[in-house]
Structure formats: structure tokens, C-alpha cells
PDB file of N, CA and C in Angstrom:
ATOM      1  N   TYR A   1       0.775  -1.346  -0.078  1.00  0.00           N
ATOM      2  CA  TYR A   1       0.067  -0.067   0.000  1.00  0.00           C
ATOM      3  C   TYR A   1       0.873   1.154  -0.006  1.00  0.00           C
ATOM      4  N   ASN A   2       1.983   1.293   0.557  1.00  0.00           N
ATOM      5  CA  ASN A   2       2.805   2.464   0.939  1.00  0.00           C
ATOM      6  C   ASN A   2       3.817   2.481  -0.337  1.00  0.00           C
ATOM      7  N   HIS A   3       3.656   1.733  -1.395  1.00  0.00           N
ATOM      8  CA  HIS A   3       4.528   1.873  -2.536  1.00  0.00           C
ATOM      9  C   HIS A   3       3.866   2.299  -3.748  1.00  0.00           C
ATOM     10  N   GLY A   4       2.431   2.711  -3.579  1.00  0.00           N
ATOM     11  CA  GLY A   4       1.728   3.248  -4.326  1.00  0.00           C
ATOM     12  C   GLY A   4       1.996   4.457  -4.914  1.00  0.00           C
ATOM     13  N   LYS A   5       1.544   5.086  -6.225  1.00  0.00           N
ATOM     14  CA  LYS A   5       2.067   5.968  -6.977  1.00  0.00           C
ATOM     15  C   LYS A   5       1.523   7.419  -6.075  1.00  0.00           C
ATOM     16  N   ILE A   6       0.150   7.139  -5.563  1.00  0.00           N
ATOM     17  CA  ILE A   6      -0.617   8.190  -5.029  1.00  0.00           C
ATOM     18  C   ILE A   6       0.145   8.531  -3.723  1.00  0.00           C
ATOM     19  N   PHE A   7       0.569   7.279  -2.700  1.00  0.00           N
ATOM     20  CA  PHE A   7       1.088   7.648  -1.517  1.00  0.00           C
ATOM     21  C   PHE A   7       2.231   8.163  -1.529  1.00  0.00           C
ATOM     22  N   LYS A   8       3.313   7.972  -2.572  1.00  0.00           N
ATOM     23  CA  LYS A   8       4.453   8.426  -3.036  1.00  0.00           C
ATOM     24  C   LYS A   8       4.331   9.945  -3.392  1.00  0.00           C
ATOM     25  N   ALA A   9       3.523  10.234  -4.092  1.00  0.00           N
ATOM     26  CA  ALA A   9       3.449  11.903  -4.492  1.00  0.00           C
ATOM     27  C   ALA A   9       3.101  12.475  -3.318  1.00  0.00           C
ATOM     28  N   HIS A  10       2.081  11.970  -2.479  1.00  0.00           N
ATOM     29  CA  HIS A  10       1.662  12.746  -1.250  1.00  0.00           C
ATOM     30  C   HIS A  10       2.742  12.849  -0.434  1.00  0.00           C
ATOM     31  N   ILE A  11       3.824  12.243  -0.109  1.00  0.00           N
ATOM     32  CA  ILE A  11       5.053  12.116   0.403  1.00  0.00           C
ATOM     33  C   ILE A  11       5.860  13.265  -0.303  1.00  0.00           C
ATOM     34  N   GLU A  12       5.965  13.355  -1.596  1.00  0.00           N
ATOM     35  CA  GLU A  12       6.726  14.297  -2.170  1.00  0.00           C
ATOM     36  C   GLU A  12       6.080  15.478  -1.858  1.00  0.00           C
ATOM     37  N   LYS A  13       4.864  15.838  -1.989  1.00  0.00           N
ATOM     38  CA  LYS A  13       4.172  16.949  -1.672  1.00  0.00           C
ATOM     39  C   LYS A  13       4.382  17.415  -0.096  1.00  0.00           C
ATOM     40  N   LEU A  14       4.406  16.872   0.663  1.00  0.00           N
ATOM     41  CA  LEU A  14       4.601  16.871   2.006  1.00  0.00           C
ATOM     42  C   LEU A  14       5.820  17.631   2.305  1.00  0.00           C
ATOM     43  N   LYS A  15       7.125  16.860   1.468  1.00  0.00           N
ATOM     44  CA  LYS A  15       8.169  17.073   1.496  1.00  0.00           C
ATOM     45  C   LYS A  15       8.580  18.657   1.217  1.00  0.00           C
ATOM     46  N   ARG A  16       7.732  19.145  -0.195  1.00  0.00           N
ATOM     47  CA  ARG A  16       8.040  20.401  -0.562  1.00  0.00           C
ATOM     48  C   ARG A  16       7.030  21.552   0.297  1.00  0.00           C
ATOM     49  N   GLU A  17       6.106  21.134   0.394  1.00  0.00           N
ATOM     50  CA  GLU A  17       5.001  22.120   1.254  1.00  0.00           C
ATOM     51  C   GLU A  17       5.450  22.390   2.644  1.00  0.00           C
ATOM     52  N   LYS A  18       5.738  21.372   3.658  1.00  0.00           N
ATOM     53  CA  LYS A  18       6.170  21.414   4.742  1.00  0.00           C
ATOM     54  C   LYS A  18       7.698  21.555   4.935  1.00  0.00           C
ATOM     55  N   ASN A  19       8.587  21.337   3.961  1.00  0.00           N
ATOM     56  CA  ASN A  19      10.017  21.411   4.178  1.00  0.00           C
ATOM     57  C   ASN A  19      10.279  20.484   5.464  1.00  0.00           C
ATOM     58  N   VAL A  20       9.911  19.101   5.121  1.00  0.00           N
ATOM     59  CA  VAL A  20      10.549  18.117   5.983  1.00  0.00           C
ATOM     60  C   VAL A  20      11.096  16.896   5.049  1.00  0.00           C
ATOM     61  N   GLU A  21      11.786  16.287   6.044  1.00  0.00           N
ATOM     62  CA  GLU A  21      12.812  15.209   5.309  1.00  0.00           C
ATOM     63  C   GLU A  21      12.262  14.153   5.922  1.00  0.00           C
ATOM     64  N   ILE A  22      11.556  13.210   5.045  1.00  0.00           N
ATOM     65  CA  ILE A  22      10.910  11.830   5.023  1.00  0.00           C
ATOM     66  C   ILE A  22      11.583  10.709   4.365  1.00  0.00           C
ATOM     67  N   GLU A  23      12.138   9.943   4.869  1.00  0.00           N
ATOM     68  CA  GLU A  23      12.721   8.864   4.248  1.00  0.00           C
ATOM     69  C   GLU A  23      11.951   7.652   4.568  1.00  0.00           C
ATOM     70  N   LEU A  24      11.123   6.858   3.424  1.00  0.00           N
ATOM     71  CA  LEU A  24      10.655   5.345   3.453  1.00  0.00           C
ATOM     72  C   LEU A  24      11.621   4.499   3.704  1.00  0.00           C
ATOM     73  N   ILE A  25      11.198   3.800   4.692  1.00  0.00           N
ATOM     74  CA  ILE A  25      11.960   2.646   4.912  1.00  0.00           C
ATOM     75  C   ILE A  25      10.960   1.183   4.945  1.00  0.00           C
ATOM     76  N   TYR A  26      11.075   0.447   3.735  1.00  0.00           N
ATOM     77  CA  TYR A  26      10.311  -0.617   3.428  1.00  0.00           C
ATOM     78  C   TYR A  26      10.497  -1.623   4.280  1.00  0.00           C
ATOM     79  N   LEU A  27       9.878  -2.263   5.276  1.00  0.00           N
ATOM     80  CA  LEU A  27       9.974  -3.525   5.823  1.00  0.00           C
ATOM     81  C   LEU A  27       9.564  -4.612   5.061  1.00  0.00           C
ATOM     82  N   PRO A  28      10.284  -6.092   5.179  1.00  0.00           N
ATOM     83  CA  PRO A  28       9.791  -7.116   4.563  1.00  0.00           C
ATOM     84  C   PRO A  28       8.259  -7.193   4.996  1.00  0.00           C
ATOM     85  N   THR A  29       7.854  -8.129   4.157  1.00  0.00           N
ATOM     86  CA  THR A  29       6.295  -8.184   4.303  1.00  0.00           C
ATOM     87  C   THR A  29       5.825  -8.818   5.390  1.00  0.00           C
ATOM     88  N   TYR A  30       6.556  -9.939   5.794  1.00  0.00           N
ATOM     89  CA  TYR A  30       6.040 -10.328   7.457  1.00  0.00           C
ATOM     90  C   TYR A  30       7.167  -9.961   8.204  1.00  0.00           C
ATOM     91  N   SER A  31       7.271  -9.146   9.471  1.00  0.00           N
ATOM     92  CA  SER A  31       8.471  -8.837  10.326  1.00  0.00           C
ATOM     93  C   SER A  31       7.801  -8.751  11.531  1.00  0.00           C
ATOM     94  N   PRO A  32       7.189  -9.687  12.020  1.00  0.00           N
ATOM     95  CA  PRO A  32       6.687  -9.288  13.517  1.00  0.00           C
ATOM     96  C   PRO A  32       7.741  -8.711  14.593  1.00  0.00           C
ATOM     97  N   ASN A  33       8.782  -9.267  14.358  1.00  0.00           N
ATOM     98  CA  ASN A  33      10.232  -8.959  15.315  1.00  0.00           C
ATOM     99  C   ASN A  33      10.367  -7.496  15.198  1.00  0.00           C
ATOM    100  N   LEU A  34      10.157  -6.733  14.065  1.00  0.00           N
ATOM    101  CA  LEU A  34      10.087  -5.337  13.848  1.00  0.00           C
ATOM    102  C   LEU A  34       9.004  -4.521  14.169  1.00  0.00           C
ATOM    103  N   ASN A  35       7.938  -4.894  14.397  1.00  0.00           N
ATOM    104  CA  ASN A  35       6.555  -4.386  14.573  1.00  0.00           C
ATOM    105  C   ASN A  35       6.475  -4.443  16.189  1.00  0.00           C
ATOM    106  N   LEU A  36       6.530  -3.353  16.950  1.00  0.00           N
ATOM    107  CA  LEU A  36       6.360  -3.095  18.289  1.00  0.00           C
ATOM    108  C   LEU A  36       4.935  -3.700  18.911  1.00  0.00           C
ATOM    109  N   ILE A  37       3.800  -3.278  18.119  1.00  0.00           N
ATOM    110  CA  ILE A  37       2.364  -3.957  18.288  1.00  0.00           C
ATOM    111  C   ILE A  37       2.725  -5.371  18.555  1.00  0.00           C
ATOM    112  N   GLU A  38       3.236  -5.936  17.417  1.00  0.00           N
ATOM    113  CA  GLU A  38       3.482  -7.345  17.679  1.00  0.00           C
ATOM    114  C   GLU A  38       4.219  -8.170  18.875  1.00  0.00           C
ATOM    115  N   ARG A  39       4.934  -7.456  19.249  1.00  0.00           N
ATOM    116  CA  ARG A  39       5.690  -7.676  20.555  1.00  0.00           C
ATOM    117  C   ARG A  39       4.908  -7.370  22.013  1.00  0.00           C
ATOM    118  N   LEU A  40       4.183  -6.236  21.754  1.00  0.00           N
ATOM    119  CA  LEU A  40       3.362  -5.997  22.714  1.00  0.00           C
ATOM    120  C   LEU A  40       2.341  -6.997  22.803  1.00  0.00           C
ATOM    121  N   TRP A  41       1.834  -7.591  21.959  1.00  0.00           N
ATOM    122  CA  TRP A  41       0.799  -8.672  21.848  1.00  0.00           C
ATOM    123  C   TRP A  41       1.183 -10.010  22.585  1.00  0.00           C
ATOM    124  N   LYS A  42       2.449 -10.323  22.115  1.00  0.00           N
ATOM    125  CA  LYS A  42       3.184 -11.259  22.361  1.00  0.00           C
ATOM    126  C   LYS A  42       3.334 -11.440  23.926  1.00  0.00           C
ATOM    127  N   TYR A  43       3.891 -10.281  24.515  1.00  0.00           N
ATOM    128  CA  TYR A  43       4.119  -9.836  26.129  1.00  0.00           C
ATOM    129  C   TYR A  43       2.385 -10.131  26.751  1.00  0.00           C
ATOM    130  N   ALA A  44       1.585  -9.794  26.123  1.00  0.00           N
ATOM    131  CA  ALA A  44       0.356  -9.995  26.728  1.00  0.00           C
ATOM    132  C   ALA A  44      -0.096 -11.014  26.521  1.00  0.00           C
ATOM    133  N   LYS A  45      -0.201 -11.812  25.823  1.00  0.00           N
ATOM    134  CA  LYS A  45      -0.388 -13.263  25.610  1.00  0.00           C
ATOM    135  C   LYS A  45       0.294 -13.828  26.539  1.00  0.00           C
ATOM    136  N   LYS A  46       1.640 -13.670  26.887  1.00  0.00           N
ATOM    137  CA  LYS A  46       2.607 -14.564  27.875  1.00  0.00           C
ATOM    138  C   LYS A  46       1.905 -14.083  29.087  1.00  0.00           C
ATOM    139  N   LYS A  47       1.285 -12.837  29.308  1.00  0.00           N
ATOM    140  CA  LYS A  47       0.900 -12.943  31.046  1.00  0.00           C
ATOM    141  C   LYS A  47      -0.589 -13.173  30.965  1.00  0.00           C
ATOM    142  N   VAL A  48      -1.515 -13.196  30.053  1.00  0.00           N
ATOM    143  CA  VAL A  48      -2.972 -13.090  30.252  1.00  0.00           C
ATOM    144  C   VAL A  48      -3.216 -14.534  29.567  1.00  0.00           C
ATOM    145  N   VAL A  49      -2.941 -15.105  28.365  1.00  0.00           N
ATOM    146  CA  VAL A  49      -3.380 -16.186  27.711  1.00  0.00           C
ATOM    147  C   VAL A  49      -2.750 -17.464  28.406  1.00  0.00           C
ATOM    148  N   GLY A  50      -1.737 -17.371  29.135  1.00  0.00           N
ATOM    149  CA  GLY A  50      -1.247 -18.565  29.757  1.00  0.00           C
ATOM    150  C   GLY A  50      -2.014 -19.156  30.740  1.00  0.00           C
ATOM    151  N   ILE A  51      -3.092 -18.528  31.304  1.00  0.00           N
ATOM    152  CA  ILE A  51      -4.031 -18.776  32.323  1.00  0.00           C
ATOM    153  C   ILE A  51      -5.405 -19.304  31.594  1.00  0.00           C
ATOM    154  N   TYR A  52      -5.822 -20.375  32.303  1.00  0.00           N
ATOM    155  CA  TYR A  52      -7.120 -20.852  32.217  1.00  0.00           C
ATOM    156  C   TYR A  52      -8.386 -20.098  32.512  1.00  0.00           C
ATOM    157  N   TYR A  53      -9.171 -19.694  31.899  1.00  0.00           N
ATOM    158  CA  TYR A  53     -10.463 -19.080  32.190  1.00  0.00           C
ATOM    159  C   TYR A  53     -11.839 -20.075  31.988  1.00  0.00           C
ATOM    160  N   ASP A  54     -12.439 -20.125  32.879  1.00  0.00           N
ATOM    161  CA  ASP A  54     -13.527 -20.835  32.662  1.00  0.00           C
ATOM    162  C   ASP A  54     -14.802 -20.326  32.208  1.00  0.00           C
ATOM    163  N   LYS A  55     -14.711 -18.924  32.020  1.00  0.00           N
ATOM    164  CA  LYS A  55     -15.775 -18.144  31.436  1.00  0.00           C
ATOM    165  C   LYS A  55     -15.142 -17.019  30.497  1.00  0.00           C
ATOM    166  N   PHE A  56     -15.826 -16.967  29.253  1.00  0.00           N
ATOM    167  CA  PHE A  56     -15.285 -16.130  28.740  1.00  0.00           C
ATOM    168  C   PHE A  56     -15.164 -14.647  28.904  1.00  0.00           C
ATOM    169  N   HIS A  57     -16.378 -13.971  29.600  1.00  0.00           N
ATOM    170  CA  HIS A  57     -16.329 -12.587  30.418  1.00  0.00           C
ATOM    171  C   HIS A  57     -14.947 -12.565  31.251  1.00  0.00           C
ATOM    172  N   LYS A  58     -14.600 -13.666  31.920  1.00  0.00           N
ATOM    173  CA  LYS A  58     -13.314 -13.677  32.678  1.00  0.00           C
ATOM    174  C   LYS A  58     -11.987 -13.149  31.898  1.00  0.00           C
ATOM    175  N   PHE A  59     -12.008 -14.148  30.920  1.00  0.00           N
ATOM    176  CA  PHE A  59     -11.114 -13.885  29.821  1.00  0.00           C
ATOM    177  C   PHE A  59     -10.813 -12.352  29.492  1.00  0.00           C
ATOM    178  N   LYS A  60     -12.197 -11.896  28.903  1.00  0.00           N
ATOM    179  CA  LYS A  60     -11.962 -10.434  28.361  1.00  0.00           C
ATOM    180  C   LYS A  60     -11.720  -9.520  29.239  1.00  0.00           C
ATOM    181  N   GLU A  61     -12.361  -9.806  30.862  1.00  0.00           N
ATOM    182  CA  GLU A  61     -11.691  -8.936  31.735  1.00  0.00           C
ATOM    183  C   GLU A  61     -10.509  -8.846  31.916  1.00  0.00           C
ATOM    184  N   ALA A  62      -9.646  -9.869  31.847  1.00  0.00           N
ATOM    185  CA  ALA A  62      -8.382 -10.136  31.998  1.00  0.00           C
ATOM    186  C   ALA A  62      -7.488  -9.244  31.246  1.00  0.00           C
ATOM    187  N   VAL A  63      -8.193  -9.449  29.827  1.00  0.00           N
ATOM    188  CA  VAL A  63      -7.350  -8.742  28.788  1.00  0.00           C
ATOM    189  C   VAL A  63      -7.685  -7.318  28.901  1.00  0.00           C
ATOM    190  N   ARG A  64      -8.614  -6.827  29.330  1.00  0.00           N
ATOM    191  CA  ARG A  64      -9.009  -5.426  29.586  1.00  0.00           C
ATOM    192  C   ARG A  64      -8.033  -4.925  30.454  1.00  0.00           C
ATOM    193  N   ASN A  65      -8.211  -5.312  31.928  1.00  0.00           N
ATOM    194  CA  ASN A  65      -7.240  -5.135  32.771  1.00  0.00           C
ATOM    195  C   ASN A  65      -5.946  -5.226  32.446  1.00  0.00           C
ATOM    196  N   PHE A  66      -5.476  -6.130  31.877  1.00  0.00           N
ATOM    197  CA  PHE A  66      -4.042  -6.010  31.579  1.00  0.00           C
ATOM    198  C   PHE A  66      -3.532  -4.612  30.960  1.00  0.00           C
ATOM    199  N   PHE A  67      -4.676  -4.471  29.833  1.00  0.00           N
ATOM    200  CA  PHE A  67      -4.191  -2.983  28.791  1.00  0.00           C
ATOM    201  C   PHE A  67      -4.600  -1.858  29.652  1.00  0.00           C
ATOM    202  N   GLU A  68      -5.755  -1.806  30.540  1.00  0.00           N
ATOM    203  CA  GLU A  68      -6.221  -0.499  31.048  1.00  0.00           C
ATOM    204  C   GLU A  68      -5.173  -0.216  32.401  1.00  0.00           C
ATOM    205  N   LYS A  69      -4.965  -1.480  33.120  1.00  0.00           N
ATOM    206  CA  LYS A  69      -3.938  -1.189  34.158  1.00  0.00           C
ATOM    207  C   LYS A  69      -2.910  -1.734  34.524  1.00  0.00           C
ATOM    208  N   GLU A  70      -2.622  -3.082  34.048  1.00  0.00           N
ATOM    209  CA  GLU A  70      -1.305  -3.588  34.341  1.00  0.00           C
ATOM    210  C   GLU A  70      -0.326  -2.999  33.829  1.00  0.00           C
ATOM    211  N   VAL A  71      -0.231  -2.767  32.528  1.00  0.00           N
ATOM    212  CA  VAL A  71       1.053  -1.857  31.788  1.00  0.00           C
ATOM    213  C   VAL A  71       1.148  -0.550  32.220  1.00  0.00           C
ATOM    214  N   LYS A  72       0.340  -0.243  33.313  1.00  0.00           N
ATOM    215  CA  LYS A  72       0.625   1.150  33.802  1.00  0.00           C
ATOM    216  C   LYS A  72       1.459   1.191  35.150  1.00  0.00           C
ATOM    217  N   LYS A  73       1.337  -0.141  35.679  1.00  0.00           N
ATOM    218  CA  LYS A  73       2.313  -0.090  36.814  1.00  0.00           C
ATOM    219  C   LYS A  73       3.803  -0.292  36.752  1.00  0.00           C
ATOM    220  N   GLU A  74       4.611   0.469  37.437  1.00  0.00           N
ATOM    221  CA  GLU A  74       6.152   0.667  37.035  1.00  0.00           C
ATOM    222  C   GLU A  74       6.462  -0.755  36.890  1.00  0.00           C
ATOM    223  N   SER A  75       6.491  -1.756  37.673  1.00  0.00           N
ATOM    224  CA  SER A  75       7.011  -3.096  37.453  1.00  0.00           C
ATOM    225  C   SER A  75       6.785  -3.670  36.177  1.00  0.00           C
ATOM    226  N   CYS A  76       5.565  -3.297  35.749  1.00  0.00           N
ATOM    227  CA  CYS A  76       5.279  -4.303  34.347  1.00  0.00           C
ATOM    228  C   CYS A  76       5.923  -3.249  33.359  1.00  0.00           C
ATOM    229  N   LYS A  77       6.003  -2.020  33.779  1.00  0.00           N
ATOM    230  CA  LYS A  77       6.601  -1.073  32.483  1.00  0.00           C
ATOM    231  C   LYS A  77       8.066  -1.442  32.254  1.00  0.00           C
ATOM    232  N   ALA A  78       8.889  -1.951  33.462  1.00  0.00           N
ATOM    233  CA  ALA A  78      10.028  -2.044  33.221  1.00  0.00           C
ATOM    234  C   ALA A  78      10.431  -3.558  32.731  1.00  0.00           C
ATOM    235  N   GLU A  79       9.563  -4.224  32.994  1.00  0.00           N
ATOM    236  CA  GLU A  79       9.259  -5.690  32.640  1.00  0.00           C
ATOM    237  C   GLU A  79       9.271  -5.674  30.730  1.00  0.00           C
ATOM    238  N   LEU A  80       8.251  -4.561  30.846  1.00  0.00           N
ATOM    239  CA  LEU A  80       7.854  -4.613  29.165  1.00  0.00           C
ATOM    240  C   LEU A  80       8.829  -3.877  28.194  1.00  0.00           C
ATOM    241  N   GLU A  81       9.287  -2.903  28.786  1.00  0.00           N
ATOM    242  CA  GLU A  81      10.274  -2.492  28.373  1.00  0.00           C
ATOM    243  C   GLU A  81      11.753  -3.370  27.761  1.00  0.00           C
ATOM    244  N   LYS A  82      12.076  -4.225  28.879  1.00  0.00           N
ATOM    245  CA  LYS A  82      13.009  -5.469  28.606  1.00  0.00           C
ATOM    246  C   LYS A  82      12.372  -6.162  27.499  1.00  0.00           C
ATOM    247  N   PHE A  83      11.321  -6.291  27.482  1.00  0.00           N
ATOM    248  CA  PHE A  83      10.785  -7.722  26.549  1.00  0.00           C
ATOM    249  C   PHE A  83      10.682  -6.768  25.026  1.00  0.00           C
ATOM    250  N   ILE A  84      10.047  -5.797  25.214  1.00  0.00           N
ATOM    251  CA  ILE A  84       9.854  -5.037  23.640  1.00  0.00           C
ATOM    252  C   ILE A  84      11.204  -4.442  22.970  1.00  0.00           C
ATOM    253  N   GLY A  85      12.087  -3.981  23.871  1.00  0.00           N
ATOM    254  CA  GLY A  85      13.222  -3.501  23.601  1.00  0.00           C
ATOM    255  C   GLY A  85      13.055  -1.801  22.888  1.00  0.00           C
ATOM    256  N   SER A  86      14.247  -1.294  22.770  1.00  0.00           N
ATOM    257  CA  SER A  86      14.177  -0.232  22.291  1.00  0.00           C
ATOM    258  C   SER A  86      15.175   0.030  21.326  1.00  0.00           C
ATOM    259  N   SER A  87      15.912  -0.769  21.096  1.00  0.00           N
ATOM    260  CA  SER A  87      17.307  -0.686  19.930  1.00  0.00           C
ATOM    261  C   SER A  87      16.816  -1.409  18.767  1.00  0.00           C
ATOM    262  N   PHE A  88      16.794  -0.839  17.369  1.00  0.00           N
ATOM    263  CA  PHE A  88      16.726  -1.241  16.611  1.00  0.00           C
ATOM    264  C   PHE A  88      17.836  -0.935  15.195  1.00  0.00           C
ATOM    265  N   GLN A  89      18.141  -2.188  14.338  1.00  0.00           N
ATOM    266  CA  GLN A  89      19.238  -1.936  13.387  1.00  0.00           C
ATOM    267  C   GLN A  89      18.356  -1.717  12.293  1.00  0.00           C
ATOM    268  N   ILE A  90      18.827  -0.643  11.724  1.00  0.00           N
ATOM    269  CA  ILE A  90      18.162  -0.145  10.486  1.00  0.00           C
ATOM    270  C   ILE A  90      19.305  -0.568   9.433  1.00  0.00           C
ATOM    271  N   ILE A  91      18.619  -1.289   8.298  1.00  0.00           N
ATOM    272  CA  ILE A  91      19.148  -2.199   7.525  1.00  0.00           C
ATOM    273  C   ILE A  91      18.947  -1.323   6.317  1.00  0.00           C
ATOM    274  N   LYS A  92      19.795  -0.809   5.446  1.00  0.00           N
ATOM    275  CA  LYS A  92      19.922  -0.119   4.027  1.00  0.00           C
ATOM    276  C   LYS A  92      20.266  -1.063   2.989  1.00  0.00           C
ATOM    277  N   GLY A  93      18.872  -1.043   2.204  1.00  0.00           N
ATOM    278  CA  GLY A  93      19.098  -1.723   0.956  1.00  0.00           C
ATOM    279  C   GLY A  93      19.473  -0.996  -0.205  1.00  0.00           C
TER     280      GLY A  93
END
């Protein structure tokens, strides 16, 4: 989708009009290790899905609780930062 002519034309227009430097970096088609949301979901599954819930509403509440409360706790933030990481190697093609 971001290889299309319309998208590229829009980026060029932004560069000219806003005087900004934009470099498009194309990731491999499937690269969950480079996608932060995939890392967050993996962490969430590790914390929430590994538990048996006898009722769907309990599972739903556990997921909601995780994203609304648990991730805001300092202990969880530190663990999540280690799990997700913050350094990425940019590979120029």
C-alpha cells in the first residue's frame, strides 16, 4: 500500500510544502520482530493467555485489565521495556 504512486506523490508534496525530510523504509512483508505492536501482543499473551479462564467474560476482563491497568504499573513497565526493547538496527538496502 505504501509503494503506490498516490502515496509517494503525497510524501513528495509533504516534503515540498512542509519542508520536511521523510525517508521511507520498507520492511519485509512479514516482520513481527520489527513491529512493536506484535511484541506487545506477544507479551500480553504471555501474561494473560497462559491462564485458564472457565468463562469468556473472565478472559475478556483479564485482557481489559491488562491493557488498562497492569501495563501502567512501574514493575510491568520495566519488564515490558526489556521484553519489547528499544534499539533497532536499520538495514539499508
